[in-house]
Amino acid sequence: MDDKMKQRVVMERATEIPLSKTIRNVRTMKSIQTSNEQSRN
């Protein structure tokens, strides 16, 4: 494996972890919004 491939793998791993956290946060935000809208009705 050459250096460029190694760098790419490291980059992908570094971006993967915060991405999954962000997606989870967005999902919780959306579910909170929908529950708030439902309670208003």
Protein backbone atom coordinates (compact mmCIF):
# COMPACT_ATOMS: atom_id res chain seq x y z
CA MET A 1 0.00 0.00 0.00
CA ASP A 2 1.50 3.34 -1.02
CA ASP A 3 1.37 6.59 0.95
CA LYS A 4 -1.51 8.09 -1.02
CA MET A 5 -3.70 5.08 -0.31
CA LYS A 6 -2.77 5.23 3.38
CA GLN A 7 -3.65 8.93 3.52
CA ARG A 8 -7.01 8.25 1.91
CA VAL A 9 -7.86 5.52 4.39
CA VAL A 10 -6.87 7.76 7.31
CA MET A 11 -8.94 10.63 5.91
CA GLU A 12 -11.96 8.42 5.38
CA ARG A 13 -11.75 7.07 8.92
CA ALA A 14 -11.31 10.58 10.33
CA THR A 15 -14.38 11.89 8.49
CA GLU A 16 -16.48 8.78 9.08
CA ILE A 17 -16.71 9.12 12.86
CA PRO A 18 -17.88 12.78 13.10
CA LEU A 19 -20.23 12.15 10.17
CA SER A 20 -22.09 9.35 11.94
CA LYS A 21 -22.34 11.54 15.06
CA THR A 22 -23.77 14.41 12.99
CA ILE A 23 -26.28 12.12 11.30
CA ARG A 24 -27.39 10.82 14.68
CA ASN A 25 -27.77 14.38 15.99
CA VAL A 26 -29.79 15.39 12.94
CA ARG A 27 -32.06 12.39 13.42
CA THR A 28 -32.69 13.22 17.07
CA MET A 29 -33.33 16.86 16.15
CA LYS A 30 -35.90 15.79 13.55
CA SER A 31 -37.63 13.38 15.91
CA ILE A 32 -37.79 16.12 18.58
CA GLN A 33 -39.30 18.52 16.04
CA THR A 34 -41.96 16.03 14.94
CA SER A 35 -42.89 15.19 18.54
CA ASN A 36 -43.23 18.91 19.30
CA GLU A 37 -45.50 19.39 16.29
CA GLN A 38 -47.63 16.40 17.30
CA SER A 39 -48.07 17.69 20.85
CA ARG A 40 -49.26 21.06 19.51
CA ASN A 41 -52.23 19.54 17.68
